[in-house]
Amino acid sequence: MKALEIDDDGVVTLLSDVLEDLGVDNARLLVAPAEDNRNVRETVIVDAEDEDAIRSGALVMLIGVRGRAALPALRRIIAHRPAAVAVKGNERELEAAAELLQPTGIGLVAVAPGLRWDKFEGIALDRVHENRVRENDGRFSDVPGDSPTAVHRDLFAIAQTTATLTNGHVVIEDPGNKVLAYSPASNDVDELRRLSILARRGPEKYQKLLKESGVYKHLQATEAPVHVEANPDAGLRERVAIGIHAGSRVMGYIWLQEGAEPLAANTDRIMVGAARHAAIELVRHRNEQSQSMREDRVSSLLSGTAQVHSQAQSAGIDPSKPAALVLISAGGLSQSAAGLQLRRGELSKVASIHAAAYRPGAVVGALGMETAIILPDLDPLKSLPAINRLVNTIVRDATTHLHFQVQAAVGPIVPRLDALHATLDHVRSVLKVMEATPTVRVASYSDVETTVLTKELLELLESRTTLRHAGIARLCTRYPEFALTLLTYLEFFGDVNRCAEELAVHRNTVHYRLRRACEVAGLDLHSADERLLAHLQIRLWTYAGTKG
């Protein structure tokens, strides 16, 4: 098996940094490397039967073996003295391997059997790349005036997300075919992709072949994806490519190679979204805009102030046209703050690509604890079904590819963008209602309008503490059983039999409790006003108890 190596002399990453990113559940350091051997300069995938040379400073992923079965390969690897070797297995299974490596100064990392090697590699590469960019050697930063760290992170994130959604492998190039970013490699990459990553540029013979076929001419002329059939003689698998356009200017290209699985059915649409999203990032970095601008833009567009118009114009959005707001919550995740923030970032990338494919001017960013999507330039009569399909796709992909559950609330379409801020509280209320029903993944305001309004009414009553009937308050405090019986009776429209069935008591017990409730509270159930007041106040009492 051929190794994927990222050669970058002078740029180092501590092994401890890589392990920190992987997390203790995925990888444990069983043997620490020697003091002079803790820096990771590259990642290398090595098959257990592979005898290729390994350079010092490499983090070796030893695949094809587990536990004690790795010993023969480890004995061969020792002579090259890499920084560390990662092997699947637990501490007991790797006890002999640890004993072998302890005196060599080579680290040993125990990898959880359930962790895929491509995920391990991707996380390790992200850390190596991040430190490479901090060194600012210029090879990933050919966009004048950009922030290398930010553009690196964003483009690699787009490449990884696109690869995940399409089941393929992605390379992002600049207009001169220099590689800017790529998704983590695996066994099923072809020669072109492997050589492109190693050389940071597409090999000349392949570029010539593609240019002669008219592919680049097509990519420069249109924003539509182009499919390139497999060419076994040239070592090429099937590819989908798309140009990254900013107005009349081509900012680069995205290449998607088919992997072990067939490409996703909606690959073309995802590629369109990825190209639009990449164009925004490249232009943003060219203009030296900060990483937080997306969050600032979302907040500004929802502020209801004069900033809405200036922000809309800078984003190429017509503020006079209809728009809608979508909020996505992943707040139910039981994770550390850092882990939760990482997951929200991944969710934002997925949402950005899909939203850009639906509307070029879509704006995605964090809004408090939620991910906000602002969809401009809508048709008030026809767009809502399309928005629901878009949001369902985002939620599905978050479940399938990010492996966590989210809930999304779709707001109403408002006539103008500057009216969107008025829907924010309503959309957040939809999310709050959905929290009580985790199986509901997507809902619009109209789906839960009654529940939202009832909740808001109870919260309003809760804030007005003077609006309390003293007798009903006494009933709830001293005789809760009578109060709950009265509430059930009122909610079943005075049907004593249904009330008794619901409470699992005899109907005579219901009559007794109702009589006592009216005596304690001083109520006359023949009065519509008193029935309404009793219903609201006892509901408020149960609502406050549920919150407590």
Protein backbone atom coordinates (compact mmCIF):
# COMPACT_ATOMS: atom_id res chain seq x y z
CA MET A 1 0.00 0.00 0.00
CA LYS A 2 1.29 3.42 -0.88
CA ALA A 3 1.71 5.94 1.87
CA LEU A 4 0.29 9.43 1.79
CA GLU A 5 2.98 11.76 3.05
CA ILE A 6 2.77 15.47 3.75
CA ASP A 7 6.32 16.73 3.51
CA ASP A 8 6.93 20.07 5.05
CA ASP A 9 10.39 20.56 6.50
CA GLY A 10 10.59 22.97 9.40
CA VAL A 11 6.91 22.78 10.35
CA VAL A 12 6.18 20.66 13.40
CA THR A 13 3.22 19.56 15.48
CA LEU A 14 3.41 18.07 18.95
CA LEU A 15 2.05 14.53 19.17
CA SER A 16 0.14 15.63 22.28
CA ASP A 17 -1.72 18.22 20.18
CA VAL A 18 -2.85 15.55 17.74
CA LEU A 19 -4.02 13.27 20.57
CA GLU A 20 -5.88 16.15 22.18
CA ASP A 21 -7.82 16.72 18.96
CA LEU A 22 -8.58 12.99 18.63
CA GLY A 23 -9.94 12.70 22.14
CA VAL A 24 -9.27 10.08 24.80
CA ASP A 25 -12.15 7.87 23.60
CA ASN A 26 -10.53 7.54 20.17
CA ALA A 27 -6.82 7.33 20.93
CA ARG A 28 -4.61 6.82 23.99
CA LEU A 29 -0.86 7.33 24.31
CA LEU A 30 0.55 4.07 25.72
CA VAL A 31 4.23 4.92 25.21
CA ALA A 32 5.41 8.52 25.16
CA PRO A 33 8.04 9.37 22.51
CA ALA A 34 11.45 10.53 23.62
CA GLU A 35 11.99 14.21 24.34
CA ASP A 36 13.71 14.70 20.99
CA ASN A 37 11.05 12.78 19.03
CA ARG A 38 7.75 14.43 19.97
CA ASN A 39 7.25 16.52 16.85
CA VAL A 40 5.00 15.22 14.06
CA ARG A 41 6.00 16.55 10.62
CA GLU A 42 3.81 14.32 8.48
CA THR A 43 1.26 11.52 8.55
CA VAL A 44 1.93 8.21 6.82
CA ILE A 45 -0.42 5.30 6.16
CA VAL A 46 1.50 2.01 6.22
CA ASP A 47 0.17 -1.46 5.52
CA ALA A 48 1.49 -4.12 7.90
CA GLU A 49 3.18 -5.88 4.99
CA ASP A 50 4.56 -2.67 3.46
CA GLU A 51 8.34 -2.30 3.57
CA ASP A 52 8.60 1.26 2.24
CA ALA A 53 10.98 3.63 4.00
CA ILE A 54 9.51 5.87 6.69
CA ARG A 55 11.05 9.19 7.59
CA SER A 56 11.68 10.48 11.09
CA GLY A 57 9.01 12.76 12.44
CA ALA A 58 6.21 10.70 10.91
CA LEU A 59 3.00 9.69 12.67
CA VAL A 60 2.53 6.18 11.25
CA MET A 61 -0.95 4.68 10.94
CA LEU A 62 -0.34 0.94 10.85
CA ILE A 63 -3.33 -0.64 9.15
CA GLY A 64 -4.27 -4.24 8.48
CA VAL A 65 -3.26 -5.56 11.91
CA ARG A 66 -4.41 -5.27 15.50
CA GLY A 67 -2.80 -5.85 18.88
CA ARG A 68 0.03 -8.43 19.01
CA ALA A 69 -0.30 -9.04 15.25
CA ALA A 70 1.44 -5.68 14.74
CA LEU A 71 4.74 -6.84 16.27
CA PRO A 72 6.50 -7.97 13.03
CA ALA A 73 5.69 -4.68 11.31
CA LEU A 74 6.75 -2.68 14.37
CA ARG A 75 10.14 -4.41 14.40
CA ARG A 76 10.70 -3.26 10.81
CA ILE A 77 9.51 0.28 11.56
CA ILE A 78 11.81 0.76 14.57
CA ALA A 79 14.86 1.28 12.34
CA HIS A 80 13.27 4.39 10.77
CA ARG A 81 12.43 5.95 14.18
CA PRO A 82 9.17 7.73 13.40
CA ALA A 83 7.64 10.00 16.03
CA ALA A 84 4.92 7.48 16.87
CA VAL A 85 2.99 4.51 15.55
CA ALA A 86 -0.80 4.24 15.85
CA VAL A 87 -2.20 0.70 16.12
CA LYS A 88 -5.73 -0.48 16.80
CA GLY A 89 -6.26 -2.32 20.07
CA ASN A 90 -6.63 -1.79 23.81
CA GLU A 91 -3.89 -1.52 26.44
CA ARG A 92 -3.87 -5.27 27.16
CA GLU A 93 -3.70 -6.22 23.47
CA LEU A 94 -0.81 -3.79 22.89
CA GLU A 95 1.18 -4.68 25.99
CA ALA A 96 3.89 -6.49 23.99
CA ALA A 97 4.05 -3.64 21.44
CA ALA A 98 4.53 -1.13 24.25
CA GLU A 99 7.34 -3.21 25.72
CA LEU A 100 9.00 -3.34 22.29
CA LEU A 101 8.83 0.41 21.63
CA GLN A 102 9.59 1.66 25.18
CA PRO A 103 13.41 1.75 24.79
CA THR A 104 13.36 3.10 21.22
CA GLY A 105 11.97 6.59 21.90
CA ILE A 106 9.08 5.91 19.50
CA GLY A 107 5.59 6.66 20.77
CA LEU A 108 2.76 4.11 20.69
CA VAL A 109 -0.85 5.24 20.24
CA ALA A 110 -3.69 2.81 20.93
CA VAL A 111 -6.54 3.52 18.53
CA ALA A 112 -10.12 2.52 19.33
CA PRO A 113 -11.15 -0.41 17.11
CA GLY A 114 -14.33 1.39 16.05
CA LEU A 115 -12.53 4.52 14.79
CA ARG A 116 -12.14 4.64 11.03
CA TRP A 117 -8.60 5.29 9.81
CA ASP A 118 -9.76 8.03 7.45
CA LYS A 119 -11.24 9.92 10.39
CA PHE A 120 -8.05 9.45 12.42
CA GLU A 121 -6.01 10.69 9.47
CA GLY A 122 -8.30 13.64 8.85
CA ILE A 123 -8.04 14.89 12.43
CA ALA A 124 -4.25 14.41 12.49
CA LEU A 125 -3.87 16.19 9.13
CA ASP A 126 -5.99 19.11 10.32
CA ARG A 127 -3.61 19.69 13.21
CA VAL A 128 -0.50 19.32 11.04
CA HIS A 129 -1.94 21.67 8.42
CA GLU A 130 -2.98 24.21 11.03
CA ASN A 131 0.56 24.45 12.36
CA ARG A 132 1.96 24.54 8.84
CA VAL A 133 -0.19 27.56 8.06
CA ARG A 134 0.93 29.28 11.25
CA GLU A 135 4.47 29.04 9.92
CA ASN A 136 3.16 31.03 6.93
CA ASP A 137 5.42 29.41 4.35
CA GLY A 138 3.12 30.68 1.63
CA ARG A 139 2.25 27.43 -0.07
CA PHE A 140 -1.40 27.48 1.03
CA SER A 141 -1.77 31.21 0.78
CA ASP A 142 -1.76 32.46 -2.76
CA VAL A 143 -4.72 34.76 -2.28
CA PRO A 144 -3.28 38.26 -1.81
CA GLY A 145 -4.06 39.89 1.50
CA ASP A 146 -5.76 36.88 3.05
CA SER A 147 -5.50 35.39 6.51
CA PRO A 148 -3.74 32.05 5.87
CA THR A 149 -4.96 30.34 9.02
CA ALA A 150 -8.59 31.23 8.39
CA VAL A 151 -8.62 30.46 4.67
CA HIS A 152 -6.89 27.14 5.31
CA ARG A 153 -9.42 26.07 7.89
CA ASP A 154 -12.42 27.13 5.85
CA LEU A 155 -11.35 25.51 2.58
CA PHE A 156 -10.29 22.27 4.23
CA ALA A 157 -13.61 22.21 6.07
CA ILE A 158 -15.50 22.74 2.80
CA ALA A 159 -13.49 19.96 1.15
CA GLN A 160 -14.14 17.55 4.01
CA THR A 161 -17.85 18.35 4.25
CA THR A 162 -18.34 18.03 0.49
CA ALA A 163 -16.52 14.71 0.46
CA THR A 164 -18.65 13.41 3.31
CA LEU A 165 -21.95 14.46 1.70
CA THR A 166 -21.05 13.00 -1.72
CA ASN A 167 -19.20 9.79 -0.67
CA GLY A 168 -16.12 10.89 -2.65
CA HIS A 169 -12.74 12.61 -2.34
CA VAL A 170 -12.28 16.35 -2.89
CA VAL A 171 -9.44 18.60 -4.00
CA ILE A 172 -9.82 22.39 -4.20
CA GLU A 173 -7.45 24.15 -6.60
CA ASP A 174 -6.66 27.75 -7.38
CA PRO A 175 -6.93 29.01 -11.01
CA GLY A 176 -3.35 27.86 -11.63
CA ASN A 177 -4.19 24.30 -10.52
CA LYS A 178 -2.30 24.63 -7.29
CA VAL A 179 -3.90 22.57 -4.49
CA LEU A 180 -5.41 24.77 -1.78
CA ALA A 181 -7.24 22.13 0.25
CA TYR A 182 -8.40 18.53 0.12
CA SER A 183 -10.36 15.97 2.07
CA PRO A 184 -8.47 13.25 3.97
CA ALA A 185 -7.25 10.48 1.68
CA SER A 186 -7.99 6.77 1.97
CA ASN A 187 -7.18 3.57 0.11
CA ASP A 188 -9.42 4.28 -2.88
CA VAL A 189 -7.79 7.48 -4.18
CA ASP A 190 -6.42 7.27 -7.71
CA GLU A 191 -2.99 8.27 -8.96
CA LEU A 192 -4.02 11.78 -10.01
CA ARG A 193 -5.39 12.71 -6.61
CA ARG A 194 -2.44 11.18 -4.74
CA LEU A 195 0.14 12.97 -6.88
CA SER A 196 -1.80 16.25 -6.72
CA ILE A 197 -1.70 16.23 -2.93
CA LEU A 198 1.94 15.23 -2.73
CA ALA A 199 3.07 17.85 -5.25
CA ARG A 200 0.54 20.54 -4.18
CA ARG A 201 -0.34 20.78 -7.88
CA GLY A 202 -1.99 18.59 -10.49
CA PRO A 203 0.61 16.65 -12.54
CA GLU A 204 1.22 18.32 -15.90
CA LYS A 205 0.34 15.29 -18.03
CA TYR A 206 -3.07 15.01 -16.35
CA GLN A 207 -3.70 18.74 -16.60
CA LYS A 208 -2.87 18.61 -20.30
CA LEU A 209 -5.23 15.67 -20.77
CA LEU A 210 -8.07 17.51 -19.02
CA LYS A 211 -7.46 20.76 -20.90
CA GLU A 212 -7.41 19.01 -24.25
CA SER A 213 -10.74 17.39 -23.42
CA GLY A 214 -12.32 20.85 -22.93
CA VAL A 215 -13.08 20.33 -19.23
CA TYR A 216 -11.42 23.54 -18.03
CA LYS A 217 -13.04 25.55 -20.83
CA HIS A 218 -16.41 24.34 -19.59
CA LEU A 219 -15.56 25.07 -15.93
CA GLN A 220 -14.51 28.63 -16.78
CA ALA A 221 -17.63 29.33 -18.81
CA THR A 222 -20.37 28.06 -16.51
CA GLU A 223 -21.20 27.41 -12.86
CA ALA A 224 -22.65 23.98 -13.69
CA PRO A 225 -20.73 20.82 -12.73
CA VAL A 226 -19.09 18.73 -15.44
CA HIS A 227 -18.72 14.94 -15.24
CA VAL A 228 -15.46 13.37 -16.41
CA GLU A 229 -15.71 9.67 -17.20
CA ALA A 230 -13.23 7.21 -15.75
CA ASN A 231 -10.06 6.63 -17.79
CA PRO A 232 -8.46 3.39 -16.57
CA ASP A 233 -5.57 3.69 -19.03
CA ALA A 234 -4.61 7.04 -17.53
CA GLY A 235 -5.28 5.90 -13.94
CA LEU A 236 -8.31 8.17 -13.55
CA ARG A 237 -11.54 7.34 -11.74
CA GLU A 238 -14.81 9.09 -12.50
CA ARG A 239 -14.78 12.74 -11.49
CA VAL A 240 -17.15 15.66 -11.07
CA ALA A 241 -15.67 19.15 -11.32
CA ILE A 242 -17.04 22.66 -10.89
CA GLY A 243 -15.58 26.13 -11.20
CA ILE A 244 -15.49 28.52 -8.25
CA HIS A 245 -16.89 31.77 -9.67
CA ALA A 246 -17.04 35.28 -8.23
CA GLY A 247 -18.86 37.31 -10.83
CA SER A 248 -16.93 37.01 -14.08
CA ARG A 249 -13.79 35.84 -12.30
CA VAL A 250 -12.81 32.21 -11.77
CA MET A 251 -11.37 31.79 -8.26
CA GLY A 252 -10.50 28.11 -8.64
CA TYR A 253 -11.94 24.64 -9.10
CA ILE A 254 -13.37 21.83 -6.98
CA TRP A 255 -12.62 18.28 -8.08
CA LEU A 256 -14.58 15.33 -6.72
CA GLN A 257 -13.25 11.82 -7.29
CA GLU A 258 -15.50 8.79 -6.94
CA GLY A 259 -14.50 6.61 -4.00
CA ALA A 260 -15.32 3.06 -2.98
CA GLU A 261 -19.05 3.88 -2.84
CA PRO A 262 -21.13 5.40 -5.66
CA LEU A 263 -21.44 9.18 -5.57
CA ALA A 264 -24.55 10.51 -3.82
CA ALA A 265 -27.66 11.11 -5.94
CA ASN A 266 -27.61 14.85 -5.20
CA THR A 267 -23.88 15.27 -5.92
CA ASP A 268 -24.36 17.97 -8.57
CA ARG A 269 -26.42 20.10 -6.21
CA ILE A 270 -23.90 19.69 -3.39
CA MET A 271 -21.07 20.66 -5.75
CA VAL A 272 -22.92 23.84 -6.72
CA GLY A 273 -23.36 24.71 -3.03
CA ALA A 274 -19.72 23.91 -2.24
CA ALA A 275 -18.47 26.10 -5.09
CA ARG A 276 -20.64 29.03 -4.04
CA HIS A 277 -19.60 28.63 -0.42
CA ALA A 278 -15.91 28.40 -1.39
CA ALA A 279 -16.25 31.55 -3.53
CA ILE A 280 -17.64 33.45 -0.54
CA GLU A 281 -14.74 32.31 1.64
CA LEU A 282 -12.07 33.16 -0.94
CA VAL A 283 -13.52 36.61 -1.58
CA ARG A 284 -13.97 37.21 2.14
CA HIS A 285 -10.33 36.41 2.83
CA ARG A 286 -9.19 38.42 -0.18
CA ASN A 287 -10.96 41.42 1.36
CA GLU A 288 -9.30 40.70 4.74
CA GLN A 289 -12.63 40.19 6.49
CA SER A 290 -12.61 38.57 9.89
CA GLN A 291 -13.69 35.04 10.74
CA SER A 292 -16.53 36.38 12.85
CA MET A 293 -18.10 38.33 10.00
CA ARG A 294 -20.70 35.65 9.26
CA GLU A 295 -21.98 35.81 12.82
CA ASP A 296 -21.96 39.62 12.70
CA ARG A 297 -23.84 39.55 9.39
CA VAL A 298 -26.54 37.24 10.75
CA SER A 299 -26.97 39.45 13.82
CA SER A 300 -27.08 42.59 11.68
CA LEU A 301 -29.64 41.19 9.25
CA LEU A 302 -31.88 40.26 12.19
CA SER A 303 -31.37 43.51 14.09
CA GLY A 304 -34.32 45.40 12.62
CA THR A 305 -32.13 48.51 12.35
CA ALA A 306 -30.73 50.53 9.47
CA GLN A 307 -27.79 48.08 9.40
CA VAL A 308 -30.04 45.58 7.64
CA HIS A 309 -29.90 47.49 4.36
CA SER A 310 -26.13 48.05 4.34
CA GLN A 311 -25.41 44.46 5.32
CA ALA A 312 -27.86 43.14 2.72
CA GLN A 313 -26.28 45.23 -0.01
CA SER A 314 -22.76 44.11 0.95
CA ALA A 315 -23.96 40.50 0.70
CA GLY A 316 -25.63 41.10 -2.66
CA ILE A 317 -29.13 40.68 -1.22
CA ASP A 318 -32.15 42.79 -2.14
CA PRO A 319 -33.67 43.86 1.23
CA SER A 320 -37.01 44.68 -0.39
CA LYS A 321 -37.71 41.05 -1.37
CA PRO A 322 -39.32 38.31 0.76
CA ALA A 323 -37.10 36.28 3.13
CA ALA A 324 -37.33 33.57 5.76
CA LEU A 325 -35.36 32.51 8.82
CA VAL A 326 -34.44 28.95 9.81
CA LEU A 327 -32.93 28.07 13.20
CA ILE A 328 -31.19 24.75 13.82
CA SER A 329 -30.48 23.59 17.35
CA ALA A 330 -27.98 20.99 18.49
CA GLY A 331 -28.32 22.08 22.09
CA GLY A 332 -29.35 18.67 23.36
CA LEU A 333 -25.87 17.20 22.88
CA SER A 334 -24.20 16.03 26.06
CA GLN A 335 -20.64 17.12 25.32
CA SER A 336 -17.93 19.40 26.56
CA ALA A 337 -18.10 23.03 25.51
CA ALA A 338 -15.25 22.52 23.06
CA GLY A 339 -16.84 19.40 21.57
CA LEU A 340 -20.18 21.12 21.22
CA GLN A 341 -18.55 24.09 19.51
CA LEU A 342 -16.77 21.76 17.09
CA ARG A 343 -20.02 19.98 16.21
CA ARG A 344 -21.81 23.29 15.65
CA GLY A 345 -19.02 24.32 13.29
CA GLU A 346 -19.47 21.08 11.32
CA LEU A 347 -23.22 21.65 11.22
CA SER A 348 -22.70 25.19 9.94
CA LYS A 349 -20.57 23.86 7.05
CA VAL A 350 -23.24 21.35 6.04
CA ALA A 351 -25.96 24.02 6.26
CA SER A 352 -23.85 26.53 4.30
CA ILE A 353 -23.31 24.19 1.36
CA HIS A 354 -26.95 23.15 1.08
CA ALA A 355 -28.25 26.70 1.61
CA ALA A 356 -25.88 28.12 -1.02
CA ALA A 357 -27.10 25.50 -3.49
CA TYR A 358 -30.68 26.61 -2.84
CA ARG A 359 -30.07 30.37 -2.77
CA PRO A 360 -26.73 31.98 -3.76
CA GLY A 361 -27.35 34.83 -1.32
CA ALA A 362 -28.17 32.62 1.67
CA VAL A 363 -26.41 33.67 4.88
CA VAL A 364 -25.46 31.07 7.50
CA GLY A 365 -23.90 31.73 10.88
CA ALA A 366 -24.14 31.25 14.62
CA LEU A 367 -26.88 33.06 16.51
CA GLY A 368 -26.44 32.38 20.19
CA MET A 369 -26.62 28.63 20.66
CA GLU A 370 -28.33 28.00 17.31
CA THR A 371 -27.23 27.94 13.69
CA ALA A 372 -29.20 30.52 11.70
CA ILE A 373 -29.97 30.36 7.98
CA ILE A 374 -31.32 33.50 6.31
CA LEU A 375 -32.92 32.73 2.95
CA PRO A 376 -33.48 35.82 0.76
CA ASP A 377 -35.25 36.51 -2.53
CA LEU A 378 -38.15 34.09 -1.99
CA ASP A 379 -41.50 33.56 -3.64
CA PRO A 380 -44.07 33.99 -0.84
CA LEU A 381 -46.45 31.47 -2.46
CA LYS A 382 -44.12 28.80 -3.81
CA SER A 383 -40.95 28.79 -1.71
CA LEU A 384 -42.15 27.23 1.54
CA PRO A 385 -42.25 23.58 0.29
CA ALA A 386 -38.76 24.01 -1.19
CA ILE A 387 -37.49 25.45 2.11
CA ASN A 388 -38.93 22.48 4.00
CA ARG A 389 -37.17 20.09 1.61
CA LEU A 390 -33.90 22.01 2.06
CA VAL A 391 -34.13 21.91 5.86
CA ASN A 392 -35.07 18.22 5.91
CA THR A 393 -32.00 17.51 3.76
CA ILE A 394 -29.74 19.41 6.17
CA VAL A 395 -31.19 17.58 9.17
CA ARG A 396 -30.85 14.23 7.39
CA ASP A 397 -27.21 14.87 6.50
CA ALA A 398 -26.42 16.03 10.02
CA THR A 399 -27.80 12.71 11.26
CA THR A 400 -26.17 10.55 8.59
CA HIS A 401 -22.76 12.18 8.26
CA LEU A 402 -22.19 14.05 11.52
CA HIS A 403 -23.86 11.37 13.66
CA PHE A 404 -25.89 13.61 15.92
CA GLN A 405 -29.50 14.69 16.05
CA VAL A 406 -30.62 18.26 15.45
CA GLN A 407 -33.96 20.03 15.33
CA ALA A 408 -34.83 22.79 12.89
CA ALA A 409 -37.54 25.45 13.06
CA VAL A 410 -38.70 27.07 9.82
CA GLY A 411 -40.01 30.60 10.16
CA PRO A 412 -42.69 32.23 8.02
CA ILE A 413 -41.86 34.04 4.79
CA VAL A 414 -41.98 37.79 5.43
CA PRO A 415 -42.56 40.37 2.66
CA ARG A 416 -39.21 42.13 3.19
CA LEU A 417 -35.83 41.20 4.62
CA ASP A 418 -35.95 44.06 7.12
CA ALA A 419 -39.10 42.50 8.65
CA LEU A 420 -37.31 39.23 9.40
CA HIS A 421 -36.29 40.27 12.92
CA ALA A 422 -39.94 40.20 13.99
CA THR A 423 -40.06 36.42 13.41
CA LEU A 424 -36.99 35.58 15.52
CA ASP A 425 -38.84 35.11 18.83
CA HIS A 426 -41.52 33.01 17.14
CA VAL A 427 -38.96 30.73 15.48
CA ARG A 428 -37.11 30.31 18.77
CA SER A 429 -40.43 29.46 20.40
CA VAL A 430 -40.90 26.70 17.82
CA LEU A 431 -37.54 25.22 18.86
CA LYS A 432 -38.52 25.37 22.53
CA VAL A 433 -41.76 23.52 21.80
CA MET A 434 -39.84 20.92 19.77
CA GLU A 435 -37.51 20.21 22.70
CA ALA A 436 -40.39 18.38 24.40
CA THR A 437 -40.77 16.10 21.34
CA PRO A 438 -37.26 14.96 20.29
CA THR A 439 -38.65 12.74 17.52
CA VAL A 440 -39.87 15.83 15.63
CA ARG A 441 -36.89 17.01 13.58
CA VAL A 442 -38.37 19.81 11.45
CA ALA A 443 -41.34 22.04 12.17
CA SER A 444 -42.66 25.35 10.93
CA TYR A 445 -44.44 27.99 12.97
CA SER A 446 -47.80 26.98 11.51
CA ASP A 447 -47.22 23.37 12.64
CA VAL A 448 -47.02 24.32 16.31
CA GLU A 449 -48.69 27.74 16.34
CA THR A 450 -51.30 26.81 18.97
CA THR A 451 -48.70 25.32 21.31
CA VAL A 452 -46.40 28.31 20.86
CA LEU A 453 -49.13 30.85 21.53
CA THR A 454 -50.38 28.94 24.57
CA LYS A 455 -46.85 28.78 25.96
CA GLU A 456 -46.34 32.50 25.37
CA LEU A 457 -49.69 33.25 27.03
CA LEU A 458 -48.74 31.21 30.11
CA GLU A 459 -45.35 32.94 30.27
CA LEU A 460 -47.10 36.31 30.07
CA LEU A 461 -49.44 35.35 32.90
CA GLU A 462 -46.49 34.04 34.90
CA SER A 463 -44.79 37.43 34.66
CA ARG A 464 -47.95 39.25 35.86
CA THR A 465 -48.02 37.95 39.41
CA THR A 466 -50.95 40.23 40.36
CA LEU A 467 -53.25 38.35 38.00
CA ARG A 468 -54.07 35.59 40.49
CA HIS A 469 -57.39 34.50 42.00
CA ALA A 470 -56.72 34.02 45.72
CA GLY A 471 -59.16 31.09 46.06
CA ILE A 472 -57.68 29.19 43.10
CA ALA A 473 -54.16 29.83 44.38
CA ARG A 474 -55.24 28.39 47.77
CA LEU A 475 -56.77 25.37 46.04
CA CYS A 476 -53.55 24.60 44.12
CA THR A 477 -51.33 25.04 47.15
CA ARG A 478 -53.36 23.15 49.76
CA TYR A 479 -55.39 20.66 47.74
CA PRO A 480 -53.43 19.79 44.56
CA GLU A 481 -55.47 16.61 44.00
CA PHE A 482 -58.69 18.63 43.86
CA ALA A 483 -57.04 21.20 41.56
CA LEU A 484 -55.86 18.52 39.08
CA THR A 485 -59.31 16.92 39.07
CA LEU A 486 -60.91 20.29 38.27
CA LEU A 487 -58.37 20.91 35.48
CA THR A 488 -59.04 17.46 33.95
CA TYR A 489 -62.81 18.04 34.21
CA LEU A 490 -62.51 21.39 32.40
CA GLU A 491 -60.24 19.97 29.69
CA PHE A 492 -62.76 17.19 28.99
CA PHE A 493 -65.58 19.76 28.56
CA GLY A 494 -67.29 18.77 31.82
CA ASP A 495 -67.53 15.07 30.94
CA VAL A 496 -67.41 13.36 34.35
CA ASN A 497 -67.10 9.85 32.92
CA ARG A 498 -64.05 10.72 30.75
CA CYS A 499 -62.54 12.62 33.67
CA ALA A 500 -62.94 9.59 35.96
CA GLU A 501 -61.44 7.32 33.32
CA GLU A 502 -58.45 9.63 32.82
CA LEU A 503 -57.79 9.84 36.58
CA ALA A 504 -58.57 6.13 37.16
CA VAL A 505 -61.10 6.90 39.90
CA HIS A 506 -64.83 6.36 40.37
CA ARG A 507 -67.16 9.01 38.96
CA ASN A 508 -68.49 9.64 42.48
CA THR A 509 -64.94 10.51 43.53
CA VAL A 510 -64.83 13.08 40.71
CA HIS A 511 -68.11 14.64 41.91
CA TYR A 512 -66.77 14.83 45.47
CA ARG A 513 -63.47 16.42 44.45
CA LEU A 514 -65.20 18.96 42.20
CA ARG A 515 -67.57 19.98 45.00
CA ARG A 516 -64.70 20.38 47.45
CA ALA A 517 -62.59 22.28 44.87
CA CYS A 518 -65.40 24.78 44.33
CA GLU A 519 -65.87 25.20 48.10
CA VAL A 520 -62.14 25.79 48.74
CA ALA A 521 -61.68 28.19 45.79
CA GLY A 522 -65.09 29.85 46.02
CA LEU A 523 -65.93 28.99 42.38
CA ASP A 524 -69.22 28.73 40.54
CA LEU A 525 -68.71 26.40 37.55
CA HIS A 526 -71.90 27.72 35.95
CA SER A 527 -69.98 30.97 35.30
CA ALA A 528 -68.04 30.99 32.00
CA ASP A 529 -65.65 33.61 33.37
CA GLU A 530 -64.86 31.59 36.48
CA ARG A 531 -64.36 28.41 34.45
CA LEU A 532 -61.94 30.28 32.12
CA LEU A 533 -60.03 31.82 35.02
CA ALA A 534 -59.79 28.46 36.84
CA HIS A 535 -58.61 26.71 33.69
CA LEU A 536 -55.88 29.29 32.97
CA GLN A 537 -54.61 29.58 36.55
CA ILE A 538 -54.45 25.84 37.20
CA ARG A 539 -52.73 25.36 33.80
CA LEU A 540 -50.24 28.05 34.82
CA TRP A 541 -49.66 26.23 38.12
CA THR A 542 -48.95 22.91 36.35
CA TYR A 543 -46.79 24.71 33.73
CA ALA A 544 -44.65 26.34 36.45
CA GLY A 545 -44.34 22.97 38.19
CA THR A 546 -43.18 21.30 34.98
CA LYS A 547 -40.50 23.96 34.49
CA GLY A 548 -39.36 23.61 38.08
